[in-house]
PDB file of all heavy atoms in Angstrom:
ATOM      1  N   PRO A   1     -49.279 316.790  37.022  1.00  0.00           N
ATOM      2  CA  PRO A   1     -48.904 315.371  37.123  1.00  0.00           C
ATOM      3  C   PRO A   1     -48.181 314.851  35.885  1.00  0.00           C
ATOM      4  O   PRO A   1     -47.300 314.003  35.989  1.00  0.00           O
ATOM      5  CB  PRO A   1     -50.252 314.666  37.312  1.00  0.00           C
ATOM      6  CG  PRO A   1     -51.164 315.704  37.841  1.00  0.00           C
ATOM      7  CD  PRO A   1     -50.717 316.987  37.222  1.00  0.00           C
ATOM      8  N   HIS A   2     -48.550 315.354  34.707  1.00  0.00           N
ATOM      9  CA  HIS A   2     -47.914 314.884  33.471  1.00  0.00           C
ATOM     10  C   HIS A   2     -46.474 315.370  33.369  1.00  0.00           C
ATOM     11  O   HIS A   2     -45.676 314.791  32.610  1.00  0.00           O
ATOM     12  CB  HIS A   2     -48.722 315.353  32.254  1.00  0.00           C
ATOM     13  CG  HIS A   2     -50.134 314.876  32.268  1.00  0.00           C
ATOM     14  ND1 HIS A   2     -51.173 315.593  31.708  1.00  0.00           N
ATOM     15  CD2 HIS A   2     -50.703 313.753  32.787  1.00  0.00           C
ATOM     16  CE1 HIS A   2     -52.308 314.935  31.873  1.00  0.00           C
ATOM     17  NE2 HIS A   2     -52.052 313.824  32.524  1.00  0.00           N
ATOM     18  N   ASN A   3     -46.139 316.427  34.106  1.00  0.00           N
ATOM     19  CA  ASN A   3     -44.747 316.886  34.173  1.00  0.00           C
ATOM     20  C   ASN A   3     -43.985 316.205  35.307  1.00  0.00           C
ATOM     21  O   ASN A   3     -42.789 315.922  35.175  1.00  0.00           O
ATOM     22  CB  ASN A   3     -44.693 318.403  34.390  1.00  0.00           C
ATOM     23  CG  ASN A   3     -45.168 319.174  33.179  1.00  0.00           C
ATOM     24  OD1 ASN A   3     -45.091 318.700  32.050  1.00  0.00           O
ATOM     25  ND2 ASN A   3     -45.672 320.374  33.404  1.00  0.00           N
ATOM     26  N   HIS A   4     -44.662 315.938  36.418  1.00  0.00           N
ATOM     27  CA  HIS A   4     -43.997 315.415  37.605  1.00  0.00           C
ATOM     28  C   HIS A   4     -43.760 313.907  37.532  1.00  0.00           C
ATOM     29  O   HIS A   4     -43.098 313.350  38.411  1.00  0.00           O
ATOM     30  CB  HIS A   4     -44.820 315.737  38.851  1.00  0.00           C
ATOM     31  CG  HIS A   4     -45.103 317.195  39.021  1.00  0.00           C
ATOM     32  ND1 HIS A   4     -46.170 317.676  39.757  1.00  0.00           N
ATOM     33  CD2 HIS A   4     -44.459 318.301  38.543  1.00  0.00           C
ATOM     34  CE1 HIS A   4     -46.178 318.995  39.724  1.00  0.00           C
ATOM     35  NE2 HIS A   4     -45.152 319.400  38.990  1.00  0.00           N
ATOM     36  N   ILE A   5     -44.312 313.249  36.518  1.00  0.00           N
ATOM     37  CA  ILE A   5     -44.180 311.790  36.425  1.00  0.00           C
ATOM     38  C   ILE A   5     -42.748 311.355  36.157  1.00  0.00           C
ATOM     39  O   ILE A   5     -42.334 310.264  36.545  1.00  0.00           O
ATOM     40  CB  ILE A   5     -45.130 311.234  35.335  1.00  0.00           C
ATOM     41  CG1 ILE A   5     -45.159 309.706  35.346  1.00  0.00           C
ATOM     42  CG2 ILE A   5     -44.719 311.746  33.962  1.00  0.00           C
ATOM     43  CD1 ILE A   5     -45.680 309.097  36.618  1.00  0.00           C
ATOM     44  N   TRP A   6     -41.931 312.213  35.534  1.00  0.00           N
ATOM     45  CA  TRP A   6     -40.588 311.774  35.123  1.00  0.00           C
ATOM     46  C   TRP A   6     -39.673 311.508  36.309  1.00  0.00           C
ATOM     47  O   TRP A   6     -38.982 310.476  36.318  1.00  0.00           O
ATOM     48  CB  TRP A   6     -40.005 312.785  34.138  1.00  0.00           C
ATOM     49  CG  TRP A   6     -40.922 313.020  32.979  1.00  0.00           C
ATOM     50  CD1 TRP A   6     -41.578 314.171  32.669  1.00  0.00           C
ATOM     51  CD2 TRP A   6     -41.346 312.056  32.000  1.00  0.00           C
ATOM     52  NE1 TRP A   6     -42.379 313.994  31.560  1.00  0.00           N
ATOM     53  CE2 TRP A   6     -42.259 312.707  31.133  1.00  0.00           C
ATOM     54  CE3 TRP A   6     -41.055 310.711  31.783  1.00  0.00           C
ATOM     55  CZ2 TRP A   6     -42.868 312.053  30.063  1.00  0.00           C
ATOM     56  CZ3 TRP A   6     -41.660 310.051  30.715  1.00  0.00           C
ATOM     57  CH2 TRP A   6     -42.552 310.730  29.875  1.00  0.00           C
ATOM     58  N   PRO A   7     -39.603 312.358  37.335  1.00  0.00           N
ATOM     59  CA  PRO A   7     -38.815 311.985  38.521  1.00  0.00           C
ATOM     60  C   PRO A   7     -39.360 310.736  39.211  1.00  0.00           C
ATOM     61  O   PRO A   7     -38.579 309.951  39.763  1.00  0.00           O
ATOM     62  CB  PRO A   7     -38.925 313.219  39.422  1.00  0.00           C
ATOM     63  CG  PRO A   7     -39.234 314.349  38.498  1.00  0.00           C
ATOM     64  CD  PRO A   7     -40.087 313.756  37.427  1.00  0.00           C
ATOM     65  N   VAL A   8     -40.675 310.547  39.175  1.00  0.00           N
ATOM     66  CA  VAL A   8     -41.264 309.334  39.754  1.00  0.00           C
ATOM     67  C   VAL A   8     -40.787 308.110  38.985  1.00  0.00           C
ATOM     68  O   VAL A   8     -40.404 307.088  39.573  1.00  0.00           O
ATOM     69  CB  VAL A   8     -42.804 309.432  39.741  1.00  0.00           C
ATOM     70  CG1 VAL A   8     -43.424 308.111  40.196  1.00  0.00           C
ATOM     71  CG2 VAL A   8     -43.284 310.568  40.624  1.00  0.00           C
ATOM     72  N   ILE A   9     -40.803 308.212  37.668  1.00  0.00           N
ATOM     73  CA  ILE A   9     -40.340 307.105  36.830  1.00  0.00           C
ATOM     74  C   ILE A   9     -38.875 306.789  37.105  1.00  0.00           C
ATOM     75  O   ILE A   9     -38.475 305.617  37.203  1.00  0.00           O
ATOM     76  CB  ILE A   9     -40.556 307.450  35.340  1.00  0.00           C
ATOM     77  CG1 ILE A   9     -42.057 307.325  34.995  1.00  0.00           C
ATOM     78  CG2 ILE A   9     -39.714 306.576  34.427  1.00  0.00           C
ATOM     79  CD1 ILE A   9     -42.413 307.814  33.602  1.00  0.00           C
ATOM     80  N   ASN A  10     -38.069 307.839  37.250  1.00  0.00           N
ATOM     81  CA  ASN A  10     -36.638 307.630  37.498  1.00  0.00           C
ATOM     82  C   ASN A  10     -36.379 306.886  38.803  1.00  0.00           C
ATOM     83  O   ASN A  10     -35.377 306.174  38.932  1.00  0.00           O
ATOM     84  CB  ASN A  10     -35.909 308.973  37.522  1.00  0.00           C
ATOM     85  CG  ASN A  10     -35.912 309.667  36.180  1.00  0.00           C
ATOM     86  OD1 ASN A  10     -36.119 309.043  35.144  1.00  0.00           O
ATOM     87  ND2 ASN A  10     -35.695 310.969  36.180  1.00  0.00           N
ATOM     88  N   ALA A  11     -37.275 307.068  39.769  1.00  0.00           N
ATOM     89  CA  ALA A  11     -37.076 306.460  41.090  1.00  0.00           C
ATOM     90  C   ALA A  11     -37.812 305.133  41.243  1.00  0.00           C
ATOM     91  O   ALA A  11     -37.787 304.535  42.328  1.00  0.00           O
ATOM     92  CB  ALA A  11     -37.548 307.430  42.176  1.00  0.00           C
ATOM     93  N   SER A  12     -38.468 304.660  40.180  1.00  0.00           N
ATOM     94  CA  SER A  12     -39.309 303.467  40.284  1.00  0.00           C
ATOM     95  C   SER A  12     -38.731 302.293  39.493  1.00  0.00           C
ATOM     96  O   SER A  12     -38.170 302.490  38.406  1.00  0.00           O
ATOM     97  CB  SER A  12     -40.721 303.782  39.776  1.00  0.00           C
ATOM     98  OG  SER A  12     -41.521 302.605  39.745  1.00  0.00           O
ATOM     99  N   PRO A  13     -38.901 301.072  39.990  1.00  0.00           N
ATOM    100  CA  PRO A  13     -38.476 299.896  39.219  1.00  0.00           C
ATOM    101  C   PRO A  13     -39.474 299.488  38.146  1.00  0.00           C
ATOM    102  O   PRO A  13     -39.170 298.619  37.323  1.00  0.00           O
ATOM    103  CB  PRO A  13     -38.365 298.810  40.299  1.00  0.00           C
ATOM    104  CG  PRO A  13     -39.388 299.199  41.325  1.00  0.00           C
ATOM    105  CD  PRO A  13     -39.384 300.714  41.339  1.00  0.00           C
ATOM    106  N   HIS A  14     -40.650 300.110  38.133  1.00  0.00           N
ATOM    107  CA  HIS A  14     -41.680 299.739  37.173  1.00  0.00           C
ATOM    108  C   HIS A  14     -41.401 300.369  35.810  1.00  0.00           C
ATOM    109  O   HIS A  14     -40.797 301.445  35.725  1.00  0.00           O
ATOM    110  CB  HIS A  14     -43.059 300.166  37.680  1.00  0.00           C
ATOM    111  CG  HIS A  14     -43.501 299.439  38.913  1.00  0.00           C
ATOM    112  ND1 HIS A  14     -44.115 298.219  38.878  1.00  0.00           N
ATOM    113  CD2 HIS A  14     -43.384 299.764  40.221  1.00  0.00           C
ATOM    114  CE1 HIS A  14     -44.377 297.816  40.112  1.00  0.00           C
ATOM    115  NE2 HIS A  14     -43.942 298.737  40.948  1.00  0.00           N
ATOM    116  N   PRO A  15     -41.831 299.734  34.733  1.00  0.00           N
ATOM    117  CA  PRO A  15     -41.569 300.259  33.384  1.00  0.00           C
ATOM    118  C   PRO A  15     -42.167 301.652  33.196  1.00  0.00           C
ATOM    119  O   PRO A  15     -43.304 301.908  33.610  1.00  0.00           O
ATOM    120  CB  PRO A  15     -42.241 299.231  32.466  1.00  0.00           C
ATOM    121  CG  PRO A  15     -42.340 297.979  33.278  1.00  0.00           C
ATOM    122  CD  PRO A  15     -42.536 298.434  34.689  1.00  0.00           C
ATOM    123  N   ALA A  16     -41.401 302.529  32.555  1.00  0.00           N
ATOM    124  CA  ALA A  16     -41.854 303.912  32.361  1.00  0.00           C
ATOM    125  C   ALA A  16     -43.171 304.001  31.599  1.00  0.00           C
ATOM    126  O   ALA A  16     -44.072 304.751  32.011  1.00  0.00           O
ATOM    127  CB  ALA A  16     -40.767 304.718  31.650  1.00  0.00           C
ATOM    128  N   PRO A  17     -43.346 303.278  30.466  1.00  0.00           N
ATOM    129  CA  PRO A  17     -44.628 303.393  29.757  1.00  0.00           C
ATOM    130  C   PRO A  17     -45.826 302.984  30.605  1.00  0.00           C
ATOM    131  O   PRO A  17     -46.900 303.585  30.501  1.00  0.00           O
ATOM    132  CB  PRO A  17     -44.448 302.462  28.554  1.00  0.00           C
ATOM    133  CG  PRO A  17     -42.971 302.391  28.350  1.00  0.00           C
ATOM    134  CD  PRO A  17     -42.390 302.435  29.733  1.00  0.00           C
ATOM    135  N   GLU A  18     -45.634 301.976  31.466  1.00  0.00           N
ATOM    136  CA  GLU A  18     -46.739 301.526  32.313  1.00  0.00           C
ATOM    137  C   GLU A  18     -47.147 302.609  33.305  1.00  0.00           C
ATOM    138  O   GLU A  18     -48.337 302.890  33.495  1.00  0.00           O
ATOM    139  CB  GLU A  18     -46.333 300.266  33.062  1.00  0.00           C
ATOM    140  CG  GLU A  18     -47.373 299.766  34.061  1.00  0.00           C
ATOM    141  CD  GLU A  18     -46.865 298.607  34.898  1.00  0.00           C
ATOM    142  OE1 GLU A  18     -46.080 297.795  34.376  1.00  0.00           O
ATOM    143  OE2 GLU A  18     -47.258 298.524  36.083  1.00  0.00           O
ATOM    144  N   LEU A  19     -46.170 303.239  33.948  1.00  0.00           N
ATOM    145  CA  LEU A  19     -46.474 304.287  34.921  1.00  0.00           C
ATOM    146  C   LEU A  19     -47.132 305.487  34.253  1.00  0.00           C
ATOM    147  O   LEU A  19     -48.103 306.056  34.773  1.00  0.00           O
ATOM    148  CB  LEU A  19     -45.195 304.715  35.641  1.00  0.00           C
ATOM    149  CG  LEU A  19     -44.539 303.670  36.544  1.00  0.00           C
ATOM    150  CD1 LEU A  19     -43.216 304.189  37.079  1.00  0.00           C
ATOM    151  CD2 LEU A  19     -45.461 303.279  37.698  1.00  0.00           C
ATOM    152  N   LEU A  20     -46.607 305.894  33.096  1.00  0.00           N
ATOM    153  CA  LEU A  20     -47.196 307.033  32.390  1.00  0.00           C
ATOM    154  C   LEU A  20     -48.604 306.704  31.930  1.00  0.00           C
ATOM    155  O   LEU A  20     -49.518 307.527  32.058  1.00  0.00           O
ATOM    156  CB  LEU A  20     -46.324 307.414  31.200  1.00  0.00           C
ATOM    157  CG  LEU A  20     -46.846 308.580  30.357  1.00  0.00           C
ATOM    158  CD1 LEU A  20     -46.907 309.872  31.166  1.00  0.00           C
ATOM    159  CD2 LEU A  20     -45.997 308.772  29.108  1.00  0.00           C
ATOM    160  N   ARG A  21     -48.796 305.512  31.405  1.00  0.00           N
ATOM    161  CA  ARG A  21     -50.121 305.110  30.929  1.00  0.00           C
ATOM    162  C   ARG A  21     -51.146 305.152  32.064  1.00  0.00           C
ATOM    163  O   ARG A  21     -52.229 305.709  31.917  1.00  0.00           O
ATOM    164  CB  ARG A  21     -50.059 303.698  30.330  1.00  0.00           C
ATOM    165  CG  ARG A  21     -51.412 303.163  29.859  1.00  0.00           C
ATOM    166  CD  ARG A  21     -51.322 301.759  29.300  1.00  0.00           C
ATOM    167  NE  ARG A  21     -52.641 301.289  28.920  1.00  0.00           N
ATOM    168  CZ  ARG A  21     -53.236 301.557  27.767  1.00  0.00           C
ATOM    169  NH1 ARG A  21     -52.621 302.304  26.869  1.00  0.00           N
ATOM    170  NH2 ARG A  21     -54.442 301.096  27.504  1.00  0.00           N
ATOM    171  N   ASN A  22     -50.773 304.579  33.206  1.00  0.00           N
ATOM    172  CA  ASN A  22     -51.716 304.547  34.320  1.00  0.00           C
ATOM    173  C   ASN A  22     -52.030 305.951  34.824  1.00  0.00           C
ATOM    174  O   ASN A  22     -53.177 306.246  35.190  1.00  0.00           O
ATOM    175  CB  ASN A  22     -51.154 303.684  35.447  1.00  0.00           C
ATOM    176  CG  ASN A  22     -51.112 302.212  35.077  1.00  0.00           C
ATOM    177  OD1 ASN A  22     -51.798 301.769  34.155  1.00  0.00           O
ATOM    178  ND2 ASN A  22     -50.297 301.438  35.779  1.00  0.00           N
ATOM    179  N   LEU A  23     -51.017 306.831  34.845  1.00  0.00           N
ATOM    180  CA  LEU A  23     -51.274 308.207  35.272  1.00  0.00           C
ATOM    181  C   LEU A  23     -52.277 308.883  34.350  1.00  0.00           C
ATOM    182  O   LEU A  23     -53.250 309.503  34.807  1.00  0.00           O
ATOM    183  CB  LEU A  23     -49.976 309.006  35.289  1.00  0.00           C
ATOM    184  CG  LEU A  23     -50.159 310.515  35.508  1.00  0.00           C
ATOM    185  CD1 LEU A  23     -50.707 310.791  36.899  1.00  0.00           C
ATOM    186  CD2 LEU A  23     -48.863 311.267  35.276  1.00  0.00           C
ATOM    187  N   ILE A  24     -52.058 308.789  33.039  1.00  0.00           N
ATOM    188  CA  ILE A  24     -52.932 309.471  32.086  1.00  0.00           C
ATOM    189  C   ILE A  24     -54.352 308.916  32.152  1.00  0.00           C
ATOM    190  O   ILE A  24     -55.336 309.659  32.025  1.00  0.00           O
ATOM    191  CB  ILE A  24     -52.341 309.381  30.668  1.00  0.00           C
ATOM    192  CG1 ILE A  24     -51.089 310.273  30.587  1.00  0.00           C
ATOM    193  CG2 ILE A  24     -53.357 309.787  29.613  1.00  0.00           C
ATOM    194  CD1 ILE A  24     -50.361 310.208  29.269  1.00  0.00           C
ATOM    195  N   LEU A  25     -54.481 307.629  32.394  1.00  0.00           N
ATOM    196  CA  LEU A  25     -55.823 307.056  32.535  1.00  0.00           C
ATOM    197  C   LEU A  25     -56.489 307.534  33.820  1.00  0.00           C
ATOM    198  O   LEU A  25     -57.704 307.758  33.850  1.00  0.00           O
ATOM    199  CB  LEU A  25     -55.747 305.530  32.498  1.00  0.00           C
ATOM    200  CG  LEU A  25     -55.383 304.934  31.135  1.00  0.00           C
ATOM    201  CD1 LEU A  25     -55.198 303.425  31.249  1.00  0.00           C
ATOM    202  CD2 LEU A  25     -56.443 305.264  30.088  1.00  0.00           C
ATOM    203  N   HIS A  26     -55.715 307.720  34.880  1.00  0.00           N
ATOM    204  CA  HIS A  26     -56.299 308.233  36.123  1.00  0.00           C
ATOM    205  C   HIS A  26     -56.717 309.701  35.976  1.00  0.00           C
ATOM    206  O   HIS A  26     -57.718 310.124  36.579  1.00  0.00           O
ATOM    207  CB  HIS A  26     -55.309 308.081  37.276  1.00  0.00           C
ATOM    208  CG  HIS A  26     -55.356 306.739  37.932  1.00  0.00           C
ATOM    209  ND1 HIS A  26     -56.344 306.364  38.816  1.00  0.00           N
ATOM    210  CD2 HIS A  26     -54.529 305.665  37.823  1.00  0.00           C
ATOM    211  CE1 HIS A  26     -56.128 305.138  39.228  1.00  0.00           C
ATOM    212  NE2 HIS A  26     -55.031 304.673  38.648  1.00  0.00           N
ATOM    213  N   THR A  27     -55.975 310.500  35.216  1.00  0.00           N
ATOM    214  CA  THR A  27     -56.386 311.893  35.016  1.00  0.00           C
ATOM    215  C   THR A  27     -57.508 312.002  33.988  1.00  0.00           C
ATOM    216  O   THR A  27     -58.127 313.058  33.872  1.00  0.00           O
ATOM    217  CB  THR A  27     -55.199 312.769  34.566  1.00  0.00           C
ATOM    218  OG1 THR A  27     -54.610 312.214  33.389  1.00  0.00           O
ATOM    219  CG2 THR A  27     -54.150 312.876  35.655  1.00  0.00           C
ATOM    220  N   GLY A  28     -57.766 310.925  33.262  1.00  0.00           N
ATOM    221  CA  GLY A  28     -58.807 310.937  32.235  1.00  0.00           C
ATOM    222  C   GLY A  28     -60.136 310.376  32.696  1.00  0.00           C
ATOM    223  O   GLY A  28     -60.899 309.825  31.882  1.00  0.00           O
ATOM    224  N   ARG A  29     -60.437 310.521  33.973  1.00  0.00           N
ATOM    225  CA  ARG A  29     -61.727 310.041  34.473  1.00  0.00           C
ATOM    226  C   ARG A  29     -62.849 310.964  33.958  1.00  0.00           C
ATOM    227  O   ARG A  29     -62.762 312.188  34.100  1.00  0.00           O
ATOM    228  CB  ARG A  29     -61.737 310.008  35.998  1.00  0.00           C
ATOM    229  CG  ARG A  29     -60.641 309.152  36.603  1.00  0.00           C
ATOM    230  CD  ARG A  29     -60.765 309.113  38.105  1.00  0.00           C
ATOM    231  NE  ARG A  29     -61.903 308.300  38.524  1.00  0.00           N
ATOM    232  CZ  ARG A  29     -62.484 308.387  39.724  1.00  0.00           C
ATOM    233  NH1 ARG A  29     -62.053 309.298  40.601  1.00  0.00           N
ATOM    234  NH2 ARG A  29     -63.493 307.613  40.040  1.00  0.00           N
ATOM    235  N   PRO A  30     -63.899 310.415  33.370  1.00  0.00           N
ATOM    236  CA  PRO A  30     -64.965 311.244  32.771  1.00  0.00           C
ATOM    237  C   PRO A  30     -65.961 311.737  33.808  1.00  0.00           C
ATOM    238  O   PRO A  30     -67.015 311.138  34.022  1.00  0.00           O
ATOM    239  CB  PRO A  30     -65.616 310.286  31.771  1.00  0.00           C
ATOM    240  CG  PRO A  30     -65.419 308.939  32.385  1.00  0.00           C
ATOM    241  CD  PRO A  30     -64.114 308.981  33.124  1.00  0.00           C
ATOM    242  N   ARG A  31     -65.632 312.868  34.421  1.00  0.00           N
ATOM    243  CA  ARG A  31     -66.516 313.404  35.469  1.00  0.00           C
ATOM    244  C   ARG A  31     -67.801 313.997  34.889  1.00  0.00           C
ATOM    245  O   ARG A  31     -68.749 314.256  35.629  1.00  0.00           O
ATOM    246  CB  ARG A  31     -65.768 314.446  36.289  1.00  0.00           C
ATOM    247  CG  ARG A  31     -65.226 315.608  35.490  1.00  0.00           C
ATOM    248  CD  ARG A  31     -64.342 316.503  36.355  1.00  0.00           C
ATOM    249  NE  ARG A  31     -63.768 317.596  35.586  1.00  0.00           N
ATOM    250  CZ  ARG A  31     -62.646 317.514  34.910  1.00  0.00           C
ATOM    251  NH1 ARG A  31     -61.973 316.372  34.904  1.00  0.00           N
ATOM    252  NH2 ARG A  31     -62.180 318.544  34.241  1.00  0.00           N
ATOM    253  N   LEU A  32     -67.842 314.253  33.589  1.00  0.00           N
ATOM    254  CA  LEU A  32     -69.055 314.707  32.914  1.00  0.00           C
ATOM    255  C   LEU A  32     -69.538 313.628  31.957  1.00  0.00           C
ATOM    256  O   LEU A  32     -68.736 313.029  31.225  1.00  0.00           O
ATOM    257  CB  LEU A  32     -68.794 316.000  32.131  1.00  0.00           C
ATOM    258  CG  LEU A  32     -68.439 317.248  32.930  1.00  0.00           C
ATOM    259  CD1 LEU A  32     -68.267 318.439  31.987  1.00  0.00           C
ATOM    260  CD2 LEU A  32     -69.505 317.553  33.964  1.00  0.00           C
ATOM    261  N   ARG A  33     -70.823 313.402  31.921  1.00  0.00           N
ATOM    262  CA  ARG A  33     -71.373 312.396  31.011  1.00  0.00           C
ATOM    263  C   ARG A  33     -71.210 312.786  29.555  1.00  0.00           C
ATOM    264  O   ARG A  33     -71.247 311.936  28.670  1.00  0.00           O
ATOM    265  CB  ARG A  33     -72.857 312.174  31.324  1.00  0.00           C
ATOM    266  CG  ARG A  33     -73.116 311.532  32.681  1.00  0.00           C
ATOM    267  CD  ARG A  33     -74.599 311.283  32.893  1.00  0.00           C
ATOM    268  NE  ARG A  33     -74.861 310.644  34.179  1.00  0.00           N
ATOM    269  CZ  ARG A  33     -76.076 310.318  34.619  1.00  0.00           C
ATOM    270  NH1 ARG A  33     -77.149 310.577  33.852  1.00  0.00           N
ATOM    271  NH2 ARG A  33     -76.221 309.740  35.794  1.00  0.00           N
ATOM    272  N   SER A  34     -71.010 314.082  29.303  1.00  0.00           N
ATOM    273  CA  SER A  34     -70.900 314.543  27.912  1.00  0.00           C
ATOM    274  C   SER A  34     -69.565 314.166  27.269  1.00  0.00           C
ATOM    275  O   SER A  34     -69.444 314.174  26.042  1.00  0.00           O
ATOM    276  CB  SER A  34     -71.061 316.066  27.852  1.00  0.00           C
ATOM    277  OG  SER A  34     -70.042 316.713  28.616  1.00  0.00           O
TER     278      SER A  34
END
């Protein structure tokens, strides 16, 4: 996903930093309590 975000950004009207930030936060879900 961190590689595939760039074509998504190119095709989107939303700001690039916002889209990248939201992606990284979604992949950073803490599935382990540790």
